Amino acid sequence: MDISNNSTGSEISNYTAETDPELKAFIYQHLVDLQPYLAAESQIAVLVQAEHDLDDEESLTLVATLGDYRLEAEGHADDLYEAFLDAKKKMLSQLEEWYLSAVDSS
């Protein structure tokens, strides 16, 4: 996604999720909500779809690795913040199901 630096649009800077400290902080703060369902060795990856036209929806995928299990939740919205929240909601649902099935089988 490109962001114009002024009203004439003559200066364009390349924006990426990797260079946005506010987005990184937002994601980090919200990943804490997933911790109760994760073991110490679990990992979470945040994958942002390659940049595209400004009119398109943003896509973001959360990938959780839980031992031999891998869960994925994809979020879509007008901006990456909302796309992350959508993916997080779906991931929480999957983690709750995984946790309940693990408790039931023990």
PDB file of N, CA and C in Angstrom:
ATOM      1  N   MET A   1       0.856  -1.159   0.000  1.00  0.00           N
ATOM      2  CA  MET A   1       0.000   0.000   0.000  1.00  0.00           C
ATOM      3  C   MET A   1       0.897   1.214   0.000  1.00  0.00           C
ATOM      4  N   ASP A   2       0.573   2.181  -0.812  1.00  0.00           N
ATOM      5  CA  ASP A   2       1.320   3.430  -0.863  1.00  0.00           C
ATOM      6  C   ASP A   2       0.532   4.516  -0.145  1.00  0.00           C
ATOM      7  N   ILE A   3       1.246   5.355   0.587  1.00  0.00           N
ATOM      8  CA  ILE A   3       0.613   6.455   1.309  1.00  0.00           C
ATOM      9  C   ILE A   3       1.202   7.755   0.800  1.00  0.00           C
ATOM     10  N   SER A   4       0.349   8.670   0.432  1.00  0.00           N
ATOM     11  CA  SER A   4       0.817   9.967  -0.056  1.00  0.00           C
ATOM     12  C   SER A   4       1.260  10.816   1.120  1.00  0.00           C
ATOM     13  N   ASN A   5       2.388  11.495   0.964  1.00  0.00           N
ATOM     14  CA  ASN A   5       2.918  12.350   2.024  1.00  0.00           C
ATOM     15  C   ASN A   5       2.371  13.761   1.993  1.00  0.00           C
ATOM     16  N   ASN A   6       1.714  14.170   0.909  1.00  0.00           N
ATOM     17  CA  ASN A   6       1.158  15.520   0.849  1.00  0.00           C
ATOM     18  C   ASN A   6      -0.091  15.517  -0.019  1.00  0.00           C
ATOM     19  N   SER A   7      -0.767  16.641  -0.047  1.00  0.00           N
ATOM     20  CA  SER A   7      -2.050  16.704  -0.744  1.00  0.00           C
ATOM     21  C   SER A   7      -1.916  16.595  -2.258  1.00  0.00           C
ATOM     22  N   THR A   8      -0.751  16.922  -2.803  1.00  0.00           N
ATOM     23  CA  THR A   8      -0.589  16.829  -4.256  1.00  0.00           C
ATOM     24  C   THR A   8      -0.271  15.413  -4.692  1.00  0.00           C
ATOM     25  N   GLY A   9       0.157  14.578  -3.754  1.00  0.00           N
ATOM     26  CA  GLY A   9       0.480  13.204  -4.088  1.00  0.00           C
ATOM     27  C   GLY A   9       1.790  13.067  -4.834  1.00  0.00           C
ATOM     28  N   SER A  10       2.582  14.145  -4.894  1.00  0.00           N
ATOM     29  CA  SER A  10       3.828  14.076  -5.656  1.00  0.00           C
ATOM     30  C   SER A  10       4.908  13.271  -4.942  1.00  0.00           C
ATOM     31  N   GLU A  11       4.825  13.184  -3.621  1.00  0.00           N
ATOM     32  CA  GLU A  11       5.793  12.384  -2.882  1.00  0.00           C
ATOM     33  C   GLU A  11       5.076  11.156  -2.342  1.00  0.00           C
ATOM     34  N   ILE A  12       5.556   9.998  -2.721  1.00  0.00           N
ATOM     35  CA  ILE A  12       4.964   8.744  -2.270  1.00  0.00           C
ATOM     36  C   ILE A  12       6.024   7.982  -1.482  1.00  0.00           C
ATOM     37  N   SER A  13       5.638   7.486  -0.320  1.00  0.00           N
ATOM     38  CA  SER A  13       6.558   6.644   0.441  1.00  0.00           C
ATOM     39  C   SER A  13       5.985   5.238   0.487  1.00  0.00           C
ATOM     40  N   ASN A  14       6.854   4.260   0.502  1.00  0.00           N
ATOM     41  CA  ASN A  14       6.402   2.876   0.562  1.00  0.00           C
ATOM     42  C   ASN A  14       6.135   2.506   2.004  1.00  0.00           C
ATOM     43  N   TYR A  15       4.914   2.107   2.261  1.00  0.00           N
ATOM     44  CA  TYR A  15       4.485   1.679   3.583  1.00  0.00           C
ATOM     45  C   TYR A  15       4.418   0.164   3.575  1.00  0.00           C
ATOM     46  N   THR A  16       4.948  -0.470   4.596  1.00  0.00           N
ATOM     47  CA  THR A  16       4.759  -1.902   4.772  1.00  0.00           C
ATOM     48  C   THR A  16       4.420  -2.156   6.224  1.00  0.00           C
ATOM     49  N   ALA A  17       3.743  -3.257   6.473  1.00  0.00           N
ATOM     50  CA  ALA A  17       3.403  -3.622   7.840  1.00  0.00           C
ATOM     51  C   ALA A  17       4.667  -3.805   8.674  1.00  0.00           C
ATOM     52  N   GLU A  18       5.735  -4.271   8.054  1.00  0.00           N
ATOM     53  CA  GLU A  18       6.989  -4.481   8.771  1.00  0.00           C
ATOM     54  C   GLU A  18       7.607  -3.183   9.267  1.00  0.00           C
ATOM     55  N   THR A  19       7.311  -2.067   8.615  1.00  0.00           N
ATOM     56  CA  THR A  19       7.911  -0.794   9.016  1.00  0.00           C
ATOM     57  C   THR A  19       6.971   0.067   9.848  1.00  0.00           C
ATOM     58  N   ASP A  20       5.801  -0.428  10.184  1.00  0.00           N
ATOM     59  CA  ASP A  20       4.822   0.346  10.943  1.00  0.00           C
ATOM     60  C   ASP A  20       4.912  -0.013  12.425  1.00  0.00           C
ATOM     61  N   PRO A  21       5.578   0.811  13.240  1.00  0.00           N
ATOM     62  CA  PRO A  21       5.730   0.482  14.652  1.00  0.00           C
ATOM     63  C   PRO A  21       4.400   0.455  15.408  1.00  0.00           C
ATOM     64  N   GLU A  22       3.442   1.271  14.996  1.00  0.00           N
ATOM     65  CA  GLU A  22       2.142   1.274  15.672  1.00  0.00           C
ATOM     66  C   GLU A  22       1.396  -0.031  15.426  1.00  0.00           C
ATOM     67  N   LEU A  23       1.440  -0.536  14.202  1.00  0.00           N
ATOM     68  CA  LEU A  23       0.786  -1.809  13.892  1.00  0.00           C
ATOM     69  C   LEU A  23       1.464  -2.943  14.644  1.00  0.00           C
ATOM     70  N   LYS A  24       2.778  -2.938  14.681  1.00  0.00           N
ATOM     71  CA  LYS A  24       3.510  -3.974  15.412  1.00  0.00           C
ATOM     72  C   LYS A  24       3.123  -3.965  16.892  1.00  0.00           C
ATOM     73  N   ALA A  25       3.070  -2.787  17.495  1.00  0.00           N
ATOM     74  CA  ALA A  25       2.711  -2.671  18.910  1.00  0.00           C
ATOM     75  C   ALA A  25       1.284  -3.144  19.145  1.00  0.00           C
ATOM     76  N   PHE A  26       0.373  -2.768  18.258  1.00  0.00           N
ATOM     77  CA  PHE A  26      -1.027  -3.181  18.359  1.00  0.00           C
ATOM     78  C   PHE A  26      -1.130  -4.704  18.334  1.00  0.00           C
ATOM     79  N   ILE A  27      -0.452  -5.324  17.380  1.00  0.00           N
ATOM     80  CA  ILE A  27      -0.494  -6.785  17.253  1.00  0.00           C
ATOM     81  C   ILE A  27       0.107  -7.440  18.490  1.00  0.00           C
ATOM     82  N   TYR A  28       1.253  -6.969  18.922  1.00  0.00           N
ATOM     83  CA  TYR A  28       1.912  -7.542  20.091  1.00  0.00           C
ATOM     84  C   TYR A  28       1.006  -7.476  21.324  1.00  0.00           C
ATOM     85  N   GLN A  29       0.363  -6.328  21.537  1.00  0.00           N
ATOM     86  CA  GLN A  29      -0.524  -6.168  22.692  1.00  0.00           C
ATOM     87  C   GLN A  29      -1.695  -7.139  22.633  1.00  0.00           C
ATOM     88  N   HIS A  30      -2.222  -7.384  21.451  1.00  0.00           N
ATOM     89  CA  HIS A  30      -3.386  -8.254  21.322  1.00  0.00           C
ATOM     90  C   HIS A  30      -3.032  -9.737  21.302  1.00  0.00           C
ATOM     91  N   LEU A  31      -1.801 -10.081  20.963  1.00  0.00           N
ATOM     92  CA  LEU A  31      -1.398 -11.490  20.987  1.00  0.00           C
ATOM     93  C   LEU A  31      -1.396 -12.044  22.405  1.00  0.00           C
ATOM     94  N   VAL A  32      -1.302 -11.168  23.396  1.00  0.00           N
ATOM     95  CA  VAL A  32      -1.333 -11.584  24.797  1.00  0.00           C
ATOM     96  C   VAL A  32      -2.620 -12.353  25.100  1.00  0.00           C
ATOM     97  N   ASP A  33      -3.720 -12.017  24.436  1.00  0.00           N
ATOM     98  CA  ASP A  33      -4.995 -12.695  24.663  1.00  0.00           C
ATOM     99  C   ASP A  33      -4.954 -14.168  24.261  1.00  0.00           C
ATOM    100  N   LEU A  34      -4.008 -14.555  23.425  1.00  0.00           N
ATOM    101  CA  LEU A  34      -3.898 -15.945  22.984  1.00  0.00           C
ATOM    102  C   LEU A  34      -3.047 -16.784  23.933  1.00  0.00           C
ATOM    103  N   GLN A  35      -2.248 -16.150  24.773  1.00  0.00           N
ATOM    104  CA  GLN A  35      -1.294 -16.855  25.627  1.00  0.00           C
ATOM    105  C   GLN A  35      -1.901 -17.916  26.536  1.00  0.00           C
ATOM    106  N   PRO A  36      -3.085 -17.710  27.119  1.00  0.00           N
ATOM    107  CA  PRO A  36      -3.620 -18.754  28.001  1.00  0.00           C
ATOM    108  C   PRO A  36      -3.813 -20.107  27.312  1.00  0.00           C
ATOM    109  N   TYR A  37      -3.909 -20.114  25.998  1.00  0.00           N
ATOM    110  CA  TYR A  37      -4.141 -21.347  25.248  1.00  0.00           C
ATOM    111  C   TYR A  37      -2.854 -21.951  24.692  1.00  0.00           C
ATOM    112  N   LEU A  38      -1.735 -21.298  24.898  1.00  0.00           N
ATOM    113  CA  LEU A  38      -0.483 -21.719  24.278  1.00  0.00           C
ATOM    114  C   LEU A  38       0.501 -22.244  25.312  1.00  0.00           C
ATOM    115  N   ALA A  39       1.235 -23.287  24.933  1.00  0.00           N
ATOM    116  CA  ALA A  39       2.323 -23.787  25.764  1.00  0.00           C
ATOM    117  C   ALA A  39       3.555 -22.917  25.508  1.00  0.00           C
ATOM    118  N   ALA A  40       4.537 -23.046  26.366  1.00  0.00           N
ATOM    119  CA  ALA A  40       5.746 -22.221  26.244  1.00  0.00           C
ATOM    120  C   ALA A  40       6.436 -22.403  24.897  1.00  0.00           C
ATOM    121  N   GLU A  41       6.386 -23.608  24.343  1.00  0.00           N
ATOM    122  CA  GLU A  41       7.064 -23.873  23.072  1.00  0.00           C
ATOM    123  C   GLU A  41       6.208 -23.533  21.846  1.00  0.00           C
ATOM    124  N   SER A  42       4.982 -23.099  22.057  1.00  0.00           N
ATOM    125  CA  SER A  42       4.100 -22.721  20.945  1.00  0.00           C
ATOM    126  C   SER A  42       4.606 -21.453  20.271  1.00  0.00           C
ATOM    127  N   GLN A  43       4.274 -21.331  18.997  1.00  0.00           N
ATOM    128  CA  GLN A  43       4.674 -20.147  18.246  1.00  0.00           C
ATOM    129  C   GLN A  43       3.477 -19.575  17.508  1.00  0.00           C
ATOM    130  N   ILE A  44       3.477 -18.254  17.350  1.00  0.00           N
ATOM    131  CA  ILE A  44       2.449 -17.567  16.570  1.00  0.00           C
ATOM    132  C   ILE A  44       3.153 -16.758  15.489  1.00  0.00           C
ATOM    133  N   ALA A  45       2.685 -16.908  14.267  1.00  0.00           N
ATOM    134  CA  ALA A  45       3.204 -16.103  13.157  1.00  0.00           C
ATOM    135  C   ALA A  45       2.081 -15.215  12.643  1.00  0.00           C
ATOM    136  N   VAL A  46       2.432 -14.014  12.244  1.00  0.00           N
ATOM    137  CA  VAL A  46       1.482 -13.074  11.653  1.00  0.00           C
ATOM    138  C   VAL A  46       1.921 -12.851  10.212  1.00  0.00           C
ATOM    139  N   LEU A  47       1.079 -13.269   9.269  1.00  0.00           N
ATOM    140  CA  LEU A  47       1.401 -13.162   7.848  1.00  0.00           C
ATOM    141  C   LEU A  47       0.483 -12.137   7.203  1.00  0.00           C
ATOM    142  N   VAL A  48       1.075 -11.141   6.582  1.00  0.00           N
ATOM    143  CA  VAL A  48       0.304 -10.100   5.898  1.00  0.00           C
ATOM    144  C   VAL A  48       0.400 -10.357   4.407  1.00  0.00           C
ATOM    145  N   GLN A  49      -0.762 -10.383   3.748  1.00  0.00           N
ATOM    146  CA  GLN A  49      -0.778 -10.616   2.307  1.00  0.00           C
ATOM    147  C   GLN A  49       0.005  -9.519   1.599  1.00  0.00           C
ATOM    148  N   ALA A  50       0.655  -9.893   0.511  1.00  0.00           N
ATOM    149  CA  ALA A  50       1.430  -8.925  -0.273  1.00  0.00           C
ATOM    150  C   ALA A  50       0.576  -7.714  -0.601  1.00  0.00           C
ATOM    151  N   GLU A  51       1.225  -6.585  -0.708  1.00  0.00           N
ATOM    152  CA  GLU A  51       0.524  -5.326  -0.961  1.00  0.00           C
ATOM    153  C   GLU A  51      -0.201  -5.367  -2.299  1.00  0.00           C
ATOM    154  N   HIS A  52      -1.270  -4.606  -2.362  1.00  0.00           N
ATOM    155  CA  HIS A  52      -2.135  -4.606  -3.536  1.00  0.00           C
ATOM    156  C   HIS A  52      -2.760  -3.229  -3.699  1.00  0.00           C
ATOM    157  N   ASP A  53      -3.747  -3.115  -4.567  1.00  0.00           N
ATOM    158  CA  ASP A  53      -4.415  -1.830  -4.805  1.00  0.00           C
ATOM    159  C   ASP A  53      -5.043  -1.296  -3.523  1.00  0.00           C
ATOM    160  N   LEU A  54      -5.101   0.018  -3.403  1.00  0.00           N
ATOM    161  CA  LEU A  54      -5.667   0.652  -2.206  1.00  0.00           C
ATOM    162  C   LEU A  54      -7.143   0.343  -2.013  1.00  0.00           C
ATOM    163  N   ASP A  55      -7.859  -0.006  -3.079  1.00  0.00           N
ATOM    164  CA  ASP A  55      -9.288  -0.271  -2.973  1.00  0.00           C
ATOM    165  C   ASP A  55      -9.592  -1.670  -2.440  1.00  0.00           C
ATOM    166  N   ASP A  56      -8.613  -2.551  -2.437  1.00  0.00           N
ATOM    167  CA  ASP A  56      -8.826  -3.927  -2.004  1.00  0.00           C
ATOM    168  C   ASP A  56      -8.864  -4.027  -0.487  1.00  0.00           C
ATOM    169  N   GLU A  57      -9.489  -5.130  -0.009  1.00  0.00           N
ATOM    170  CA  GLU A  57      -9.464  -5.424   1.412  1.00  0.00           C
ATOM    171  C   GLU A  57      -8.072  -5.878   1.816  1.00  0.00           C
ATOM    172  N   GLU A  58      -7.744  -5.641   3.071  1.00  0.00           N
ATOM    173  CA  GLU A  58      -6.489  -6.135   3.630  1.00  0.00           C
ATOM    174  C   GLU A  58      -6.712  -7.565   4.114  1.00  0.00           C
ATOM    175  N   SER A  59      -5.706  -8.402   3.995  1.00  0.00           N
ATOM    176  CA  SER A  59      -5.764  -9.785   4.463  1.00  0.00           C
ATOM    177  C   SER A  59      -4.586 -10.054   5.375  1.00  0.00           C
ATOM    178  N   LEU A  60      -4.866 -10.749   6.464  1.00  0.00           N
ATOM    179  CA  LEU A  60      -3.846 -11.075   7.441  1.00  0.00           C
ATOM    180  C   LEU A  60      -4.147 -12.466   7.973  1.00  0.00           C
ATOM    181  N   THR A  61      -3.138 -13.297   8.133  1.00  0.00           N
ATOM    182  CA  THR A  61      -3.320 -14.658   8.628  1.00  0.00           C
ATOM    183  C   THR A  61      -2.491 -14.864   9.884  1.00  0.00           C
ATOM    184  N   LEU A  62      -3.114 -15.444  10.902  1.00  0.00           N
ATOM    185  CA  LEU A  62      -2.406 -15.865  12.104  1.00  0.00           C
ATOM    186  C   LEU A  62      -2.182 -17.366  11.998  1.00  0.00           C
ATOM    187  N   VAL A  63      -0.974 -17.809  12.297  1.00  0.00           N
ATOM    188  CA  VAL A  63      -0.637 -19.230  12.267  1.00  0.00           C
ATOM    189  C   VAL A  63      -0.096 -19.593  13.641  1.00  0.00           C
ATOM    190  N   ALA A  64      -0.748 -20.554  14.293  1.00  0.00           N
ATOM    191  CA  ALA A  64      -0.301 -21.022  15.605  1.00  0.00           C
ATOM    192  C   ALA A  64       0.240 -22.436  15.462  1.00  0.00           C
ATOM    193  N   THR A  65       1.416 -22.658  16.017  1.00  0.00           N
ATOM    194  CA  THR A  65       2.016 -23.986  16.035  1.00  0.00           C
ATOM    195  C   THR A  65       1.968 -24.480  17.473  1.00  0.00           C
ATOM    196  N   LEU A  66       1.253 -25.583  17.670  1.00  0.00           N
ATOM    197  CA  LEU A  66       1.061 -26.152  18.999  1.00  0.00           C
ATOM    198  C   LEU A  66       1.562 -27.592  18.962  1.00  0.00           C
ATOM    199  N   GLY A  67       2.826 -27.789  19.194  1.00  0.00           N
ATOM    200  CA  GLY A  67       3.397 -29.129  19.066  1.00  0.00           C
ATOM    201  C   GLY A  67       3.270 -29.604  17.628  1.00  0.00           C
ATOM    202  N   ASP A  68       2.538 -30.712  17.433  1.00  0.00           N
ATOM    203  CA  ASP A  68       2.330 -31.257  16.087  1.00  0.00           C
ATOM    204  C   ASP A  68       1.149 -30.616  15.371  1.00  0.00           C
ATOM    205  N   TYR A  69       0.431 -29.752  16.043  1.00  0.00           N
ATOM    206  CA  TYR A  69      -0.762 -29.125  15.460  1.00  0.00           C
ATOM    207  C   TYR A  69      -0.434 -27.747  14.897  1.00  0.00           C
ATOM    208  N   ARG A  70      -1.150 -27.410  13.848  1.00  0.00           N
ATOM    209  CA  ARG A  70      -0.999 -26.083  13.229  1.00  0.00           C
ATOM    210  C   ARG A  70      -2.401 -25.546  12.965  1.00  0.00           C
ATOM    211  N   LEU A  71      -2.675 -24.373  13.487  1.00  0.00           N
ATOM    212  CA  LEU A  71      -3.960 -23.716  13.282  1.00  0.00           C
ATOM    213  C   LEU A  71      -3.739 -22.440  12.488  1.00  0.00           C
ATOM    214  N   GLU A  72      -4.673 -22.132  11.586  1.00  0.00           N
ATOM    215  CA  GLU A  72      -4.593 -20.902  10.801  1.00  0.00           C
ATOM    216  C   GLU A  72      -5.928 -20.177  10.867  1.00  0.00           C
ATOM    217  N   ALA A  73      -5.859 -18.874  10.977  1.00  0.00           N
ATOM    218  CA  ALA A  73      -7.060 -18.038  10.976  1.00  0.00           C
ATOM    219  C   ALA A  73      -6.780 -16.811  10.124  1.00  0.00           C
ATOM    220  N   GLU A  74      -7.632 -16.585   9.141  1.00  0.00           N
ATOM    221  CA  GLU A  74      -7.439 -15.459   8.223  1.00  0.00           C
ATOM    222  C   GLU A  74      -8.477 -14.384   8.498  1.00  0.00           C
ATOM    223  N   GLY A  75      -8.013 -13.142   8.510  1.00  0.00           N
ATOM    224  CA  GLY A  75      -8.902 -12.005   8.711  1.00  0.00           C
ATOM    225  C   GLY A  75      -8.874 -11.077   7.515  1.00  0.00           C
ATOM    226  N   HIS A  76     -10.021 -10.479   7.225  1.00  0.00           N
ATOM    227  CA  HIS A  76     -10.147  -9.537   6.106  1.00  0.00           C
ATOM    228  C   HIS A  76     -10.879  -8.297   6.605  1.00  0.00           C
ATOM    229  N   ALA A  77     -10.420  -7.135   6.187  1.00  0.00           N
ATOM    230  CA  ALA A  77     -11.084  -5.876   6.551  1.00  0.00           C
ATOM    231  C   ALA A  77     -10.505  -4.757   5.699  1.00  0.00           C
ATOM    232  N   ASP A  78     -11.044  -3.568   5.918  1.00  0.00           N
ATOM    233  CA  ASP A  78     -10.575  -2.400   5.168  1.00  0.00           C
ATOM    234  C   ASP A  78      -9.177  -1.956   5.577  1.00  0.00           C
ATOM    235  N   ASP A  79      -8.762  -2.286   6.815  1.00  0.00           N
ATOM    236  CA  ASP A  79      -7.405  -1.946   7.240  1.00  0.00           C
ATOM    237  C   ASP A  79      -6.800  -3.124   7.995  1.00  0.00           C
ATOM    238  N   LEU A  80      -5.488  -3.096   8.177  1.00  0.00           N
ATOM    239  CA  LEU A  80      -4.787  -4.220   8.806  1.00  0.00           C
ATOM    240  C   LEU A  80      -5.149  -4.390  10.274  1.00  0.00           C
ATOM    241  N   TYR A  81      -5.493  -3.319  10.953  1.00  0.00           N
ATOM    242  CA  TYR A  81      -5.886  -3.420  12.357  1.00  0.00           C
ATOM    243  C   TYR A  81      -7.151  -4.265  12.490  1.00  0.00           C
ATOM    244  N   GLU A  82      -8.155  -3.947  11.690  1.00  0.00           N
ATOM    245  CA  GLU A  82      -9.411  -4.702  11.728  1.00  0.00           C
ATOM    246  C   GLU A  82      -9.215  -6.117  11.193  1.00  0.00           C
ATOM    247  N   ALA A  83      -8.371  -6.278  10.178  1.00  0.00           N
ATOM    248  CA  ALA A  83      -8.081  -7.617   9.647  1.00  0.00           C
ATOM    249  C   ALA A  83      -7.433  -8.473  10.732  1.00  0.00           C
ATOM    250  N   PHE A  84      -6.527  -7.870  11.513  1.00  0.00           N
ATOM    251  CA  PHE A  84      -5.902  -8.606  12.610  1.00  0.00           C
ATOM    252  C   PHE A  84      -6.941  -9.015  13.646  1.00  0.00           C
ATOM    253  N   LEU A  85      -7.821  -8.086  14.025  1.00  0.00           N
ATOM    254  CA  LEU A  85      -8.843  -8.404  15.029  1.00  0.00           C
ATOM    255  C   LEU A  85      -9.772  -9.509  14.543  1.00  0.00           C
ATOM    256  N   ASP A  86     -10.098  -9.513  13.252  1.00  0.00           N
ATOM    257  CA  ASP A  86     -10.920 -10.571  12.664  1.00  0.00           C
ATOM    258  C   ASP A  86     -10.198 -11.915  12.761  1.00  0.00           C
ATOM    259  N   ALA A  87      -8.928 -11.942  12.396  1.00  0.00           N
ATOM    260  CA  ALA A  87      -8.142 -13.177  12.462  1.00  0.00           C
ATOM    261  C   ALA A  87      -7.980 -13.636  13.909  1.00  0.00           C
ATOM    262  N   LYS A  88      -7.769 -12.697  14.821  1.00  0.00           N
ATOM    263  CA  LYS A  88      -7.598 -13.038  16.236  1.00  0.00           C
ATOM    264  C   LYS A  88      -8.864 -13.674  16.798  1.00  0.00           C
ATOM    265  N   LYS A  89     -10.015 -13.132  16.445  1.00  0.00           N
ATOM    266  CA  LYS A  89     -11.290 -13.689  16.907  1.00  0.00           C
ATOM    267  C   LYS A  89     -11.442 -15.134  16.424  1.00  0.00           C
ATOM    268  N   LYS A  90     -11.122 -15.369  15.164  1.00  0.00           N
ATOM    269  CA  LYS A  90     -11.211 -16.722  14.606  1.00  0.00           C
ATOM    270  C   LYS A  90     -10.192 -17.655  15.258  1.00  0.00           C
ATOM    271  N   MET A  91      -8.987 -17.148  15.516  1.00  0.00           N
ATOM    272  CA  MET A  91      -7.952 -17.965  16.159  1.00  0.00           C
ATOM    273  C   MET A  91      -8.351 -18.322  17.581  1.00  0.00           C
ATOM    274  N   LEU A  92      -8.908 -17.372  18.323  1.00  0.00           N
ATOM    275  CA  LEU A  92      -9.365 -17.665  19.686  1.00  0.00           C
ATOM    276  C   LEU A  92     -10.403 -18.774  19.687  1.00  0.00           C
ATOM    277  N   SER A  93     -11.314 -18.739  18.735  1.00  0.00           N
ATOM    278  CA  SER A  93     -12.335 -19.778  18.627  1.00  0.00           C
ATOM    279  C   SER A  93     -11.693 -21.144  18.374  1.00  0.00           C
ATOM    280  N   GLN A  94     -10.736 -21.189  17.460  1.00  0.00           N
ATOM    281  CA  GLN A  94     -10.046 -22.450  17.164  1.00  0.00           C
ATOM    282  C   GLN A  94      -9.241 -22.944  18.364  1.00  0.00           C
ATOM    283  N   LEU A  95      -8.564 -22.028  19.055  1.00  0.00           N
ATOM    284  CA  LEU A  95      -7.776 -22.412  20.222  1.00  0.00           C
ATOM    285  C   LEU A  95      -8.670 -22.937  21.342  1.00  0.00           C
ATOM    286  N   GLU A  96      -9.836 -22.331  21.528  1.00  0.00           N
ATOM    287  CA  GLU A  96     -10.776 -22.814  22.542  1.00  0.00           C
ATOM    288  C   GLU A  96     -11.236 -24.224  22.209  1.00  0.00           C
ATOM    289  N   GLU A  97     -11.571 -24.475  20.934  1.00  0.00           N
ATOM    290  CA  GLU A  97     -11.972 -25.819  20.509  1.00  0.00           C
ATOM    291  C   GLU A  97     -10.834 -26.813  20.722  1.00  0.00           C
ATOM    292  N   TRP A  98      -9.620 -26.441  20.333  1.00  0.00           N
ATOM    293  CA  TRP A  98      -8.462 -27.314  20.493  1.00  0.00           C
ATOM    294  C   TRP A  98      -8.228 -27.612  21.972  1.00  0.00           C
ATOM    295  N   TYR A  99      -8.315 -26.591  22.808  1.00  0.00           N
ATOM    296  CA  TYR A  99      -8.099 -26.753  24.241  1.00  0.00           C
ATOM    297  C   TYR A  99      -9.152 -27.678  24.846  1.00  0.00           C
ATOM    298  N   LEU A 100     -10.421 -27.463  24.498  1.00  0.00           N
ATOM    299  CA  LEU A 100     -11.492 -28.302  25.038  1.00  0.00           C
ATOM    300  C   LEU A 100     -11.353 -29.753  24.591  1.00  0.00           C
ATOM    301  N   SER A 101     -10.968 -29.980  23.350  1.00  0.00           N
ATOM    302  CA  SER A 101     -10.790 -31.361  22.886  1.00  0.00           C
ATOM    303  C   SER A 101      -9.590 -32.011  23.575  1.00  0.00           C
ATOM    304  N   ALA A 102      -8.551 -31.241  23.863  1.00  0.00           N
ATOM    305  CA  ALA A 102      -7.386 -31.780  24.577  1.00  0.00           C
ATOM    306  C   ALA A 102      -7.758 -32.134  26.009  1.00  0.00           C
ATOM    307  N   VAL A 103      -8.578 -31.310  26.654  1.00  0.00           N
ATOM    308  CA  VAL A 103      -9.016 -31.570  28.026  1.00  0.00           C
ATOM    309  C   VAL A 103      -9.943 -32.782  28.058  1.00  0.00           C
ATOM    310  N   ASP A 104     -10.859 -32.887  27.092  1.00  0.00           N
ATOM    311  CA  ASP A 104     -11.792 -34.009  27.035  1.00  0.00           C
ATOM    312  C   ASP A 104     -11.092 -35.340  26.792  1.00  0.00           C
ATOM    313  N   SER A 105      -9.998 -35.334  26.054  1.00  0.00           N
ATOM    314  CA  SER A 105      -9.314 -36.582  25.727  1.00  0.00           C
ATOM    315  C   SER A 105      -8.332 -37.020  26.811  1.00  0.00           C
ATOM    316  N   SER A 106      -8.117 -36.188  27.820  1.00  0.00           N
ATOM    317  CA  SER A 106      -7.183 -36.580  28.885  1.00  0.00           C
ATOM    318  C   SER A 106      -7.889 -37.099  30.104  1.00  0.00           C
TER     319      SER A 106
END
